[in-house]
Amino acid sequence: IGMWFALKWSTGKKHRKMSKGLKFYGEKEFIFI
């Protein structure tokens, strides 16, 4: 149950994000700051 739920949630979010494309924010990138 735990693995099924976690994998559904994880892959669903990433599919949506990857399908929209990843935007590069240059010097406004959070990690760069």
Full PDB file with SEQRES, HELIX, SHEET, SSBOND, CRYST1, ORIGX, SCALE, CONECT and MASTER records, all heavy atoms in Angstrom:
SEQRES   1 A   33  ILE GLY MET TRP PHE ALA LEU LYS TRP SER THR GLY LYS          
SEQRES   2 A   33  LYS HIS ARG LYS MET SER LYS GLY LEU LYS PHE TYR GLY          
SEQRES   3 A   33  GLU LYS GLU PHE ILE PHE ILE                                  
HELIX    1 AA1 GLY A    2  LYS A   20  1                                  19    
HELIX    2 AA2 GLY A   26  LYS A   28  5                                   3    
CRYST1    1.000    1.000    1.000  90.00  90.00  90.00 P 1           1          
ORIGX1      1.000000  0.000000  0.000000        0.00000                         
ORIGX2      0.000000  1.000000  0.000000        0.00000                         
ORIGX3      0.000000  0.000000  1.000000        0.00000                         
SCALE1      1.000000  0.000000  0.000000        0.00000                         
SCALE2      0.000000  1.000000  0.000000        0.00000                         
SCALE3      0.000000  0.000000  1.000000        0.00000                         
ATOM      1  N   ILE A   1       0.840  -1.199   0.000  1.00  0.00           N  
ATOM      2  CA  ILE A   1       0.000   0.000   0.000  1.00  0.00           C  
ATOM      3  C   ILE A   1       0.876   1.251   0.000  1.00  0.00           C  
ATOM      4  O   ILE A   1       0.657   2.180  -0.780  1.00  0.00           O  
ATOM      5  CB  ILE A   1      -0.935  -0.004   1.227  1.00  0.00           C  
ATOM      6  CG1 ILE A   1      -1.884  -1.194   1.170  1.00  0.00           C  
ATOM      7  CG2 ILE A   1      -1.712   1.321   1.309  1.00  0.00           C  
ATOM      8  CD1 ILE A   1      -2.708  -1.373   2.425  1.00  0.00           C  
ATOM      9  N   GLY A   2       1.869   1.278   0.881  1.00  0.00           N  
ATOM     10  CA  GLY A   2       2.728   2.449   0.987  1.00  0.00           C  
ATOM     11  C   GLY A   2       3.470   2.752  -0.307  1.00  0.00           C  
ATOM     12  O   GLY A   2       3.514   3.895  -0.765  1.00  0.00           O  
ATOM     13  N   MET A   3       4.054   1.714  -0.919  1.00  0.00           N  
ATOM     14  CA  MET A   3       4.800   1.899  -2.156  1.00  0.00           C  
ATOM     15  C   MET A   3       3.876   2.329  -3.290  1.00  0.00           C  
ATOM     16  O   MET A   3       4.228   3.197  -4.088  1.00  0.00           O  
ATOM     17  CB  MET A   3       5.543   0.617  -2.519  1.00  0.00           C  
ATOM     18  CG  MET A   3       6.679   0.247  -1.576  1.00  0.00           C  
ATOM     19  SD  MET A   3       8.066   1.391  -1.677  1.00  0.00           S  
ATOM     20  CE  MET A   3       8.626   1.097  -3.346  1.00  0.00           C  
ATOM     21  N   TRP A   4       2.703   1.723  -3.384  1.00  0.00           N  
ATOM     22  CA  TRP A   4       1.753   2.068  -4.458  1.00  0.00           C  
ATOM     23  C   TRP A   4       1.361   3.538  -4.355  1.00  0.00           C  
ATOM     24  O   TRP A   4       1.395   4.276  -5.340  1.00  0.00           O  
ATOM     25  CB  TRP A   4       0.504   1.200  -4.359  1.00  0.00           C  
ATOM     26  CG  TRP A   4      -0.549   1.581  -5.370  1.00  0.00           C  
ATOM     27  CD1 TRP A   4      -0.641   1.159  -6.670  1.00  0.00           C  
ATOM     28  CD2 TRP A   4      -1.649   2.480  -5.162  1.00  0.00           C  
ATOM     29  NE1 TRP A   4      -1.726   1.752  -7.284  1.00  0.00           N  
ATOM     30  CE2 TRP A   4      -2.359   2.567  -6.384  1.00  0.00           C  
ATOM     31  CE3 TRP A   4      -2.094   3.222  -4.068  1.00  0.00           C  
ATOM     32  CZ2 TRP A   4      -3.497   3.355  -6.527  1.00  0.00           C  
ATOM     33  CZ3 TRP A   4      -3.221   4.022  -4.216  1.00  0.00           C  
ATOM     34  CH2 TRP A   4      -3.918   4.077  -5.439  1.00  0.00           C  
ATOM     35  N   PHE A   5       1.009   3.973  -3.145  1.00  0.00           N  
ATOM     36  CA  PHE A   5       0.589   5.361  -2.950  1.00  0.00           C  
ATOM     37  C   PHE A   5       1.726   6.326  -3.276  1.00  0.00           C  
ATOM     38  O   PHE A   5       1.533   7.322  -3.989  1.00  0.00           O  
ATOM     39  CB  PHE A   5       0.118   5.561  -1.510  1.00  0.00           C  
ATOM     40  CG  PHE A   5      -0.177   6.993  -1.177  1.00  0.00           C  
ATOM     41  CD1 PHE A   5      -1.367   7.592  -1.572  1.00  0.00           C  
ATOM     42  CD2 PHE A   5       0.748   7.758  -0.468  1.00  0.00           C  
ATOM     43  CE1 PHE A   5      -1.637   8.914  -1.279  1.00  0.00           C  
ATOM     44  CE2 PHE A   5       0.488   9.085  -0.168  1.00  0.00           C  
ATOM     45  CZ  PHE A   5      -0.707   9.671  -0.580  1.00  0.00           C  
ATOM     46  N   ALA A   6       2.930   6.051  -2.756  1.00  0.00           N  
ATOM     47  CA  ALA A   6       4.058   6.957  -2.942  1.00  0.00           C  
ATOM     48  C   ALA A   6       4.454   7.069  -4.415  1.00  0.00           C  
ATOM     49  O   ALA A   6       4.748   8.162  -4.915  1.00  0.00           O  
ATOM     50  CB  ALA A   6       5.252   6.482  -2.110  1.00  0.00           C  
ATOM     51  N   LEU A   7       4.479   5.946  -5.118  1.00  0.00           N  
ATOM     52  CA  LEU A   7       4.873   5.967  -6.528  1.00  0.00           C  
ATOM     53  C   LEU A   7       3.837   6.689  -7.382  1.00  0.00           C  
ATOM     54  O   LEU A   7       4.189   7.417  -8.314  1.00  0.00           O  
ATOM     55  CB  LEU A   7       5.092   4.540  -7.033  1.00  0.00           C  
ATOM     56  CG  LEU A   7       6.339   3.836  -6.478  1.00  0.00           C  
ATOM     57  CD1 LEU A   7       6.342   2.365  -6.863  1.00  0.00           C  
ATOM     58  CD2 LEU A   7       7.606   4.514  -6.982  1.00  0.00           C  
ATOM     59  N   LYS A   8       2.562   6.508  -7.077  1.00  0.00           N  
ATOM     60  CA  LYS A   8       1.512   7.216  -7.807  1.00  0.00           C  
ATOM     61  C   LYS A   8       1.667   8.728  -7.637  1.00  0.00           C  
ATOM     62  O   LYS A   8       1.588   9.490  -8.591  1.00  0.00           O  
ATOM     63  CB  LYS A   8       0.131   6.780  -7.306  1.00  0.00           C  
ATOM     64  CG  LYS A   8      -0.355   5.465  -7.869  1.00  0.00           C  
ATOM     65  CD  LYS A   8      -0.770   5.615  -9.322  1.00  0.00           C  
ATOM     66  CE  LYS A   8      -1.388   4.352  -9.854  1.00  0.00           C  
ATOM     67  NZ  LYS A   8      -1.774   4.467 -11.283  1.00  0.00           N  
ATOM     68  N   TRP A   9       1.888   9.154  -6.413  1.00  0.00           N  
ATOM     69  CA  TRP A   9       2.023  10.578  -6.115  1.00  0.00           C  
ATOM     70  C   TRP A   9       3.289  11.152  -6.748  1.00  0.00           C  
ATOM     71  O   TRP A   9       3.269  12.225  -7.358  1.00  0.00           O  
ATOM     72  CB  TRP A   9       2.048  10.761  -4.599  1.00  0.00           C  
ATOM     73  CG  TRP A   9       2.102  12.194  -4.167  1.00  0.00           C  
ATOM     74  CD1 TRP A   9       1.070  13.083  -4.137  1.00  0.00           C  
ATOM     75  CD2 TRP A   9       3.251  12.898  -3.687  1.00  0.00           C  
ATOM     76  NE1 TRP A   9       1.508  14.313  -3.667  1.00  0.00           N  
ATOM     77  CE2 TRP A   9       2.827  14.220  -3.384  1.00  0.00           C  
ATOM     78  CE3 TRP A   9       4.577  12.538  -3.482  1.00  0.00           C  
ATOM     79  CZ2 TRP A   9       3.704  15.176  -2.892  1.00  0.00           C  
ATOM     80  CZ3 TRP A   9       5.446  13.495  -2.987  1.00  0.00           C  
ATOM     81  CH2 TRP A   9       5.009  14.795  -2.693  1.00  0.00           C  
ATOM     82  N   SER A  10       4.401  10.415  -6.646  1.00  0.00           N  
ATOM     83  CA  SER A  10       5.689  10.903  -7.148  1.00  0.00           C  
ATOM     84  C   SER A  10       5.693  11.035  -8.661  1.00  0.00           C  
ATOM     85  O   SER A  10       6.025  12.083  -9.210  1.00  0.00           O  
ATOM     86  CB  SER A  10       6.807   9.961  -6.701  1.00  0.00           C  
ATOM     87  OG  SER A  10       8.019  10.285  -7.347  1.00  0.00           O  
ATOM     88  N   THR A  11       5.311   9.965  -9.351  1.00  0.00           N  
ATOM     89  CA  THR A  11       5.394   9.992 -10.813  1.00  0.00           C  
ATOM     90  C   THR A  11       4.358  10.931 -11.408  1.00  0.00           C  
ATOM     91  O   THR A  11       4.613  11.577 -12.426  1.00  0.00           O  
ATOM     92  CB  THR A  11       5.216   8.580 -11.401  1.00  0.00           C  
ATOM     93  OG1 THR A  11       3.977   8.011 -10.931  1.00  0.00           O  
ATOM     94  CG2 THR A  11       6.353   7.670 -10.965  1.00  0.00           C  
ATOM     95  N   GLY A  12       3.199  11.042 -10.782  1.00  0.00           N  
ATOM     96  CA  GLY A  12       2.180  11.949 -11.298  1.00  0.00           C  
ATOM     97  C   GLY A  12       2.645  13.396 -11.279  1.00  0.00           C  
ATOM     98  O   GLY A  12       2.497  14.137 -12.247  1.00  0.00           O  
ATOM     99  N   LYS A  13       3.262  13.824 -10.175  1.00  0.00           N  
ATOM    100  CA  LYS A  13       3.755  15.196 -10.074  1.00  0.00           C  
ATOM    101  C   LYS A  13       4.864  15.460 -11.081  1.00  0.00           C  
ATOM    102  O   LYS A  13       4.917  16.508 -11.721  1.00  0.00           O  
ATOM    103  CB  LYS A  13       4.274  15.446  -8.657  1.00  0.00           C  
ATOM    104  CG  LYS A  13       3.192  15.592  -7.601  1.00  0.00           C  
ATOM    105  CD  LYS A  13       3.768  16.096  -6.288  1.00  0.00           C  
ATOM    106  CE  LYS A  13       4.198  17.526  -6.419  1.00  0.00           C  
ATOM    107  NZ  LYS A  13       4.681  18.091  -5.144  1.00  0.00           N  
ATOM    108  N   LYS A  14       5.755  14.487 -11.247  1.00  0.00           N  
ATOM    109  CA  LYS A  14       6.887  14.717 -12.143  1.00  0.00           C  
ATOM    110  C   LYS A  14       6.438  14.721 -13.600  1.00  0.00           C  
ATOM    111  O   LYS A  14       6.954  15.489 -14.404  1.00  0.00           O  
ATOM    112  CB  LYS A  14       7.975  13.654 -11.924  1.00  0.00           C  
ATOM    113  CG  LYS A  14       9.271  14.047 -12.597  1.00  0.00           C  
ATOM    114  CD  LYS A  14      10.461  13.188 -12.406  1.00  0.00           C  
ATOM    115  CE  LYS A  14      10.703  12.449 -11.160  1.00  0.00           C  
ATOM    116  NZ  LYS A  14       9.735  11.541 -10.647  1.00  0.00           N  
ATOM    117  N   HIS A  15       5.488  13.841 -13.952  1.00  0.00           N  
ATOM    118  CA  HIS A  15       4.978  13.850 -15.318  1.00  0.00           C  
ATOM    119  C   HIS A  15       4.423  15.226 -15.675  1.00  0.00           C  
ATOM    120  O   HIS A  15       4.672  15.756 -16.755  1.00  0.00           O  
ATOM    121  CB  HIS A  15       3.885  12.786 -15.475  1.00  0.00           C  
ATOM    122  CG  HIS A  15       4.394  11.469 -15.972  1.00  0.00           C  
ATOM    123  ND1 HIS A  15       5.117  11.336 -17.137  1.00  0.00           N  
ATOM    124  CD2 HIS A  15       4.285  10.220 -15.458  1.00  0.00           C  
ATOM    125  CE1 HIS A  15       5.422  10.061 -17.326  1.00  0.00           C  
ATOM    126  NE2 HIS A  15       4.942   9.371 -16.322  1.00  0.00           N  
ATOM    127  N   ARG A  16       3.669  15.826 -14.751  1.00  0.00           N  
ATOM    128  CA  ARG A  16       3.077  17.139 -15.019  1.00  0.00           C  
ATOM    129  C   ARG A  16       4.161  18.197 -15.170  1.00  0.00           C  
ATOM    130  O   ARG A  16       4.106  19.046 -16.062  1.00  0.00           O  
ATOM    131  CB  ARG A  16       2.115  17.509 -13.879  1.00  0.00           C  
ATOM    132  CG  ARG A  16       0.854  16.663 -13.839  1.00  0.00           C  
ATOM    133  CD  ARG A  16      -0.181  17.263 -12.912  1.00  0.00           C  
ATOM    134  NE  ARG A  16       0.247  17.281 -11.529  1.00  0.00           N  
ATOM    135  CZ  ARG A  16       0.065  16.271 -10.678  1.00  0.00           C  
ATOM    136  NH1 ARG A  16      -0.528  15.168 -11.092  1.00  0.00           N  
ATOM    137  NH2 ARG A  16       0.463  16.375  -9.417  1.00  0.00           N  
ATOM    138  N   LYS A  17       5.166  18.140 -14.299  1.00  0.00           N  
ATOM    139  CA  LYS A  17       6.233  19.140 -14.345  1.00  0.00           C  
ATOM    140  C   LYS A  17       7.070  18.988 -15.614  1.00  0.00           C  
ATOM    141  O   LYS A  17       7.386  19.972 -16.284  1.00  0.00           O  
ATOM    142  CB  LYS A  17       7.128  19.003 -13.113  1.00  0.00           C  
ATOM    143  CG  LYS A  17       8.200  20.070 -13.012  1.00  0.00           C  
ATOM    144  CD  LYS A  17       9.038  19.886 -11.757  1.00  0.00           C  
ATOM    145  CE  LYS A  17       8.261  20.185 -10.516  1.00  0.00           C  
ATOM    146  NZ  LYS A  17       9.117  20.131  -9.296  1.00  0.00           N  
ATOM    147  N   MET A  18       7.425  17.740 -15.971  1.00  0.00           N  
ATOM    148  CA  MET A  18       8.263  17.527 -17.134  1.00  0.00           C  
ATOM    149  C   MET A  18       7.511  17.869 -18.424  1.00  0.00           C  
ATOM    150  O   MET A  18       8.097  18.362 -19.381  1.00  0.00           O  
ATOM    151  CB  MET A  18       8.758  16.073 -17.179  1.00  0.00           C  
ATOM    152  CG  MET A  18       9.633  15.680 -15.996  1.00  0.00           C  
ATOM    153  SD  MET A  18      11.221  16.528 -15.949  1.00  0.00           S  
ATOM    154  CE  MET A  18      12.123  15.615 -17.176  1.00  0.00           C  
ATOM    155  N   SER A  19       6.213  17.602 -18.456  1.00  0.00           N  
ATOM    156  CA  SER A  19       5.441  17.882 -19.664  1.00  0.00           C  
ATOM    157  C   SER A  19       5.338  19.383 -19.919  1.00  0.00           C  
ATOM    158  O   SER A  19       5.211  19.828 -21.051  1.00  0.00           O  
ATOM    159  CB  SER A  19       4.039  17.267 -19.543  1.00  0.00           C  
ATOM    160  OG  SER A  19       3.305  17.884 -18.511  1.00  0.00           O  
ATOM    161  N   LYS A  20       5.392  20.189 -18.851  1.00  0.00           N  
ATOM    162  CA  LYS A  20       5.349  21.645 -19.000  1.00  0.00           C  
ATOM    163  C   LYS A  20       6.704  22.214 -19.390  1.00  0.00           C  
ATOM    164  O   LYS A  20       6.799  23.344 -19.863  1.00  0.00           O  
ATOM    165  CB  LYS A  20       4.882  22.295 -17.690  1.00  0.00           C  
ATOM    166  CG  LYS A  20       3.436  22.009 -17.329  1.00  0.00           C  
ATOM    167  CD  LYS A  20       3.091  22.687 -16.012  1.00  0.00           C  
ATOM    168  CE  LYS A  20       1.654  22.411 -15.620  1.00  0.00           C  
ATOM    169  NZ  LYS A  20       1.317  23.029 -14.315  1.00  0.00           N  
ATOM    170  N   GLY A  21       7.745  21.441 -19.188  1.00  0.00           N  
ATOM    171  CA  GLY A  21       9.096  21.927 -19.451  1.00  0.00           C  
ATOM    172  C   GLY A  21       9.671  22.581 -18.206  1.00  0.00           C  
ATOM    173  O   GLY A  21       8.943  23.098 -17.360  1.00  0.00           O  
ATOM    174  N   LEU A  22      10.966  22.543 -18.094  1.00  0.00           N  
ATOM    175  CA  LEU A  22      11.645  23.110 -16.937  1.00  0.00           C  
ATOM    176  C   LEU A  22      12.213  24.475 -17.309  1.00  0.00           C  
ATOM    177  O   LEU A  22      12.962  24.605 -18.264  1.00  0.00           O  
ATOM    178  CB  LEU A  22      12.762  22.165 -16.474  1.00  0.00           C  
ATOM    179  CG  LEU A  22      12.276  20.798 -15.973  1.00  0.00           C  
ATOM    180  CD1 LEU A  22      13.454  19.868 -15.767  1.00  0.00           C  
ATOM    181  CD2 LEU A  22      11.492  20.941 -14.685  1.00  0.00           C  
ATOM    182  N   LYS A  23      11.861  25.478 -16.541  1.00  0.00           N  
ATOM    183  CA  LYS A  23      12.279  26.843 -16.844  1.00  0.00           C  
ATOM    184  C   LYS A  23      13.536  27.190 -16.059  1.00  0.00           C  
ATOM    185  O   LYS A  23      13.639  26.917 -14.867  1.00  0.00           O  
ATOM    186  CB  LYS A  23      11.167  27.826 -16.486  1.00  0.00           C  
ATOM    187  CG  LYS A  23      11.476  29.268 -16.866  1.00  0.00           C  
ATOM    188  CD  LYS A  23      10.287  30.175 -16.565  1.00  0.00           C  
ATOM    189  CE  LYS A  23      10.592  31.623 -16.935  1.00  0.00           C  
ATOM    190  NZ  LYS A  23       9.440  32.513 -16.653  1.00  0.00           N  
ATOM    191  N   PHE A  24      14.501  27.786 -16.741  1.00  0.00           N  
ATOM    192  CA  PHE A  24      15.739  28.227 -16.124  1.00  0.00           C  
ATOM    193  C   PHE A  24      15.605  29.699 -15.749  1.00  0.00           C  
ATOM    194  O   PHE A  24      15.269  30.541 -16.581  1.00  0.00           O  
ATOM    195  CB  PHE A  24      16.906  28.019 -17.091  1.00  0.00           C  
ATOM    196  CG  PHE A  24      18.221  28.548 -16.601  1.00  0.00           C  
ATOM    197  CD1 PHE A  24      18.751  28.129 -15.396  1.00  0.00           C  
ATOM    198  CD2 PHE A  24      18.935  29.474 -17.351  1.00  0.00           C  
ATOM    199  CE1 PHE A  24      19.960  28.623 -14.941  1.00  0.00           C  
ATOM    200  CE2 PHE A  24      20.150  29.968 -16.914  1.00  0.00           C  
ATOM    201  CZ  PHE A  24      20.662  29.541 -15.700  1.00  0.00           C  
ATOM    202  N   TYR A  25      15.878  30.029 -14.474  1.00  0.00           N  
ATOM    203  CA  TYR A  25      15.662  31.385 -13.977  1.00  0.00           C  
ATOM    204  C   TYR A  25      16.957  32.181 -13.823  1.00  0.00           C  
ATOM    205  O   TYR A  25      16.948  33.272 -13.240  1.00  0.00           O  
ATOM    206  CB  TYR A  25      14.930  31.323 -12.630  1.00  0.00           C  
ATOM    207  CG  TYR A  25      13.543  30.759 -12.745  1.00  0.00           C  
ATOM    208  CD1 TYR A  25      13.305  29.414 -12.471  1.00  0.00           C  
ATOM    209  CD2 TYR A  25      12.466  31.548 -13.131  1.00  0.00           C  
ATOM    210  CE1 TYR A  25      12.029  28.872 -12.578  1.00  0.00           C  
ATOM    211  CE2 TYR A  25      11.186  31.023 -13.240  1.00  0.00           C  
ATOM    212  CZ  TYR A  25      10.978  29.685 -12.964  1.00  0.00           C  
ATOM    213  OH  TYR A  25       9.711  29.152 -13.081  1.00  0.00           O  
ATOM    214  N   GLY A  26      18.062  31.645 -14.318  1.00  0.00           N  
ATOM    215  CA  GLY A  26      19.320  32.374 -14.266  1.00  0.00           C  
ATOM    216  C   GLY A  26      19.737  32.691 -12.838  1.00  0.00           C  
ATOM    217  O   GLY A  26      19.698  31.840 -11.957  1.00  0.00           O  
ATOM    218  N   GLU A  27      20.115  33.928 -12.588  1.00  0.00           N  
ATOM    219  CA  GLU A  27      20.590  34.320 -11.267  1.00  0.00           C  
ATOM    220  C   GLU A  27      19.465  34.412 -10.236  1.00  0.00           C  
ATOM    221  O   GLU A  27      19.726  34.657  -9.054  1.00  0.00           O  
ATOM    222  CB  GLU A  27      21.355  35.643 -11.357  1.00  0.00           C  
ATOM    223  CG  GLU A  27      22.651  35.522 -12.167  1.00  0.00           C  
ATOM    224  CD  GLU A  27      23.554  36.725 -11.999  1.00  0.00           C  
ATOM    225  OE1 GLU A  27      23.149  37.680 -11.289  1.00  0.00           O  
ATOM    226  OE2 GLU A  27      24.652  36.715 -12.564  1.00  0.00           O  
ATOM    227  N   LYS A  28      18.230  34.178 -10.662  1.00  0.00           N  
ATOM    228  CA  LYS A  28      17.115  34.114  -9.729  1.00  0.00           C  
ATOM    229  C   LYS A  28      16.833  32.690  -9.263  1.00  0.00           C  
ATOM    230  O   LYS A  28      15.885  32.469  -8.488  1.00  0.00           O  
ATOM    231  CB  LYS A  28      15.852  34.721 -10.356  1.00  0.00           C  
ATOM    232  CG  LYS A  28      15.954  36.224 -10.614  1.00  0.00           C  
ATOM    233  CD  LYS A  28      14.667  36.792 -11.180  1.00  0.00           C  
ATOM    234  CE  LYS A  28      14.786  38.292 -11.427  1.00  0.00           C  
ATOM    235  NZ  LYS A  28      13.531  38.847 -11.994  1.00  0.00           N  
ATOM    236  N   GLU A  29      17.623  31.731  -9.745  1.00  0.00           N  
ATOM    237  CA  GLU A  29      17.485  30.352  -9.282  1.00  0.00           C  
ATOM    238  C   GLU A  29      17.656  30.309  -7.762  1.00  0.00           C  
ATOM    239  O   GLU A  29      18.609  30.877  -7.216  1.00  0.00           O  
ATOM    240  CB  GLU A  29      18.539  29.468  -9.949  1.00  0.00           C  
ATOM    241  CG  GLU A  29      18.295  29.197 -11.414  1.00  0.00           C  
ATOM    242  CD  GLU A  29      17.349  28.020 -11.629  1.00  0.00           C  
ATOM    243  OE1 GLU A  29      17.253  27.149 -10.740  1.00  0.00           O  
ATOM    244  OE2 GLU A  29      16.710  27.967 -12.702  1.00  0.00           O  
ATOM    245  N   PHE A  30      16.741  29.617  -7.084  1.00  0.00           N  
ATOM    246  CA  PHE A  30      16.793  29.551  -5.625  1.00  0.00           C  
ATOM    247  C   PHE A  30      18.127  28.998  -5.126  1.00  0.00           C  
ATOM    248  O   PHE A  30      18.691  29.499  -4.148  1.00  0.00           O  
ATOM    249  CB  PHE A  30      15.650  28.680  -5.091  1.00  0.00           C  
ATOM    250  CG  PHE A  30      14.284  29.277  -5.274  1.00  0.00           C  
ATOM    251  CD1 PHE A  30      13.151  28.475  -5.231  1.00  0.00           C  
ATOM    252  CD2 PHE A  30      14.119  30.635  -5.486  1.00  0.00           C  
ATOM    253  CE1 PHE A  30      11.878  29.011  -5.396  1.00  0.00           C  
ATOM    254  CE2 PHE A  30      12.865  31.200  -5.652  1.00  0.00           C  
ATOM    255  CZ  PHE A  30      11.736  30.377  -5.607  1.00  0.00           C  
ATOM    256  N   ILE A  31      18.617  27.951  -5.774  1.00  0.00           N  
ATOM    257  CA  ILE A  31      19.862  27.338  -5.307  1.00  0.00           C  
ATOM    258  C   ILE A  31      21.031  28.285  -5.503  1.00  0.00           C  
ATOM    259  O   ILE A  31      21.943  28.350  -4.674  1.00  0.00           O  
ATOM    260  CB  ILE A  31      20.118  25.996  -6.028  1.00  0.00           C  
ATOM    261  CG1 ILE A  31      18.949  25.032  -5.798  1.00  0.00           C  
ATOM    262  CG2 ILE A  31      21.409  25.361  -5.525  1.00  0.00           C  
ATOM    263  CD1 ILE A  31      19.075  23.720  -6.566  1.00  0.00           C  
ATOM    264  N   PHE A  32      21.017  29.033  -6.594  1.00  0.00           N  
ATOM    265  CA  PHE A  32      22.103  29.995  -6.832  1.00  0.00           C  
ATOM    266  C   PHE A  32      22.107  31.072  -5.751  1.00  0.00           C  
ATOM    267  O   PHE A  32      23.171  31.472  -5.251  1.00  0.00           O  
ATOM    268  CB  PHE A  32      21.959  30.623  -8.212  1.00  0.00           C  
ATOM    269  CG  PHE A  32      23.019  31.649  -8.517  1.00  0.00           C  
ATOM    270  CD1 PHE A  32      24.343  31.273  -8.684  1.00  0.00           C  
ATOM    271  CD2 PHE A  32      22.694  32.984  -8.622  1.00  0.00           C  
ATOM    272  CE1 PHE A  32      25.323  32.215  -8.959  1.00  0.00           C  
ATOM    273  CE2 PHE A  32      23.667  33.941  -8.900  1.00  0.00           C  
ATOM    274  CZ  PHE A  32      24.988  33.544  -9.060  1.00  0.00           C  
ATOM    275  N   ILE A  33      20.922  31.536  -5.369  1.00  0.00           N  
ATOM    276  CA  ILE A  33      20.827  32.537  -4.299  1.00  0.00           C  
ATOM    277  C   ILE A  33      21.371  31.947  -2.998  1.00  0.00           C  
ATOM    278  O   ILE A  33      22.078  32.618  -2.241  1.00  0.00           O  
ATOM    279  CB  ILE A  33      19.374  33.015  -4.139  1.00  0.00           C  
ATOM    280  CG1 ILE A  33      18.922  33.746  -5.406  1.00  0.00           C  
ATOM    281  CG2 ILE A  33      19.229  33.917  -2.913  1.00  0.00           C  
ATOM    282  CD1 ILE A  33      17.446  34.090  -5.436  1.00  0.00           C  
TER     283      ILE A  33                                                      
MASTER        0    0    0    2    0    0    0    6  282    1    0    3          
END                                                                             
